[in-house]
Amino acid sequence: MREQLISLMKRLKDEQQKLLFAAAESSTLPCLSTVQRVADLELNIAAIENTLAELPS
């Protein structure tokens, strides 16, 4: 299960990074839906990190 969670976390981080890079390239503020998506991804990444920390080694 640890490997599957790590893989999921990587995919979420990759998606979040794409959104942030696209927002950074724009000369305007990102739309609210992009900001919300980045925040949602961050919450999910944190949840996976917490779950991984609680798993037995």
C-alpha atoms as a PDB file:
ATOM      1  CA  MET A   1       0.000   0.000   0.000  1.00  0.00           C
ATOM      2  CA  ARG A   2       2.893   2.362   0.715  1.00  0.00           C
ATOM      3  CA  GLU A   3       4.039   2.253  -2.918  1.00  0.00           C
ATOM      4  CA  GLN A   4       0.518   2.981  -4.213  1.00  0.00           C
ATOM      5  CA  LEU A   5       0.170   5.981  -1.887  1.00  0.00           C
ATOM      6  CA  ILE A   6       3.566   7.327  -2.902  1.00  0.00           C
ATOM      7  CA  SER A   7       2.614   6.942  -6.562  1.00  0.00           C
ATOM      8  CA  LEU A   8      -0.677   8.759  -6.008  1.00  0.00           C
ATOM      9  CA  MET A   9       1.080  11.539  -4.137  1.00  0.00           C
ATOM     10  CA  LYS A  10       3.536  11.980  -7.007  1.00  0.00           C
ATOM     11  CA  ARG A  11       0.696  12.282  -9.514  1.00  0.00           C
ATOM     12  CA  LEU A  12      -1.057  14.853  -7.342  1.00  0.00           C
ATOM     13  CA  LYS A  13       2.155  16.860  -6.922  1.00  0.00           C
ATOM     14  CA  ASP A  14       2.792  16.752 -10.669  1.00  0.00           C
ATOM     15  CA  GLU A  15      -0.720  18.072 -11.366  1.00  0.00           C
ATOM     16  CA  GLN A  16      -0.334  20.789  -8.758  1.00  0.00           C
ATOM     17  CA  GLN A  17       3.021  21.812 -10.232  1.00  0.00           C
ATOM     18  CA  LYS A  18       1.525  22.069 -13.738  1.00  0.00           C
ATOM     19  CA  LEU A  19      -1.204  24.359 -12.445  1.00  0.00           C
ATOM     20  CA  LEU A  20       1.279  26.543 -10.560  1.00  0.00           C
ATOM     21  CA  PHE A  21       3.625  26.815 -13.535  1.00  0.00           C
ATOM     22  CA  ALA A  22       0.737  27.784 -15.819  1.00  0.00           C
ATOM     23  CA  ALA A  23      -0.414  30.404 -13.304  1.00  0.00           C
ATOM     24  CA  ALA A  24       3.115  31.772 -12.983  1.00  0.00           C
ATOM     25  CA  GLU A  25       3.420  32.187 -16.745  1.00  0.00           C
ATOM     26  CA  SER A  26       0.289  34.331 -16.881  1.00  0.00           C
ATOM     27  CA  SER A  27       0.504  38.064 -16.339  1.00  0.00           C
ATOM     28  CA  THR A  28      -2.798  38.066 -14.433  1.00  0.00           C
ATOM     29  CA  LEU A  29      -3.968  36.443 -11.257  1.00  0.00           C
ATOM     30  CA  PRO A  30      -5.079  32.829 -11.652  1.00  0.00           C
ATOM     31  CA  CYS A  31      -8.816  32.248 -11.710  1.00  0.00           C
ATOM     32  CA  LEU A  32     -10.477  31.204  -8.494  1.00  0.00           C
ATOM     33  CA  SER A  33     -11.031  27.650  -9.758  1.00  0.00           C
ATOM     34  CA  THR A  34      -7.275  27.236 -10.328  1.00  0.00           C
ATOM     35  CA  VAL A  35      -6.469  28.550  -6.866  1.00  0.00           C
ATOM     36  CA  GLN A  36      -9.082  26.211  -5.367  1.00  0.00           C
ATOM     37  CA  ARG A  37      -7.722  23.241  -7.329  1.00  0.00           C
ATOM     38  CA  VAL A  38      -4.181  23.935  -6.086  1.00  0.00           C
ATOM     39  CA  ALA A  39      -5.484  24.148  -2.508  1.00  0.00           C
ATOM     40  CA  ASP A  40      -7.500  20.928  -2.873  1.00  0.00           C
ATOM     41  CA  LEU A  41      -4.464  19.119  -4.212  1.00  0.00           C
ATOM     42  CA  GLU A  42      -2.381  20.412  -1.292  1.00  0.00           C
ATOM     43  CA  LEU A  43      -4.913  19.053   1.201  1.00  0.00           C
ATOM     44  CA  ASN A  44      -4.878  15.663  -0.496  1.00  0.00           C
ATOM     45  CA  ILE A  45      -1.086  15.571  -0.595  1.00  0.00           C
ATOM     46  CA  ALA A  46      -0.964  16.376   3.121  1.00  0.00           C
ATOM     47  CA  ALA A  47      -3.510  13.641   3.858  1.00  0.00           C
ATOM     48  CA  ILE A  48      -1.363  11.098   2.029  1.00  0.00           C
ATOM     49  CA  GLU A  49       1.774  12.264   3.844  1.00  0.00           C
ATOM     50  CA  ASN A  50      -0.030  11.879   7.175  1.00  0.00           C
ATOM     51  CA  THR A  51      -1.295   8.433   6.229  1.00  0.00           C
ATOM     52  CA  LEU A  52       2.192   7.365   5.177  1.00  0.00           C
ATOM     53  CA  ALA A  53       3.595   8.577   8.497  1.00  0.00           C
ATOM     54  CA  GLU A  54       1.083   6.423  10.363  1.00  0.00           C
ATOM     55  CA  LEU A  55       1.736   3.236   8.397  1.00  0.00           C
ATOM     56  CA  PRO A  56       3.964   0.667  10.022  1.00  0.00           C
ATOM     57  CA  SER A  57       7.398   0.437   8.402  1.00  0.00           C
END
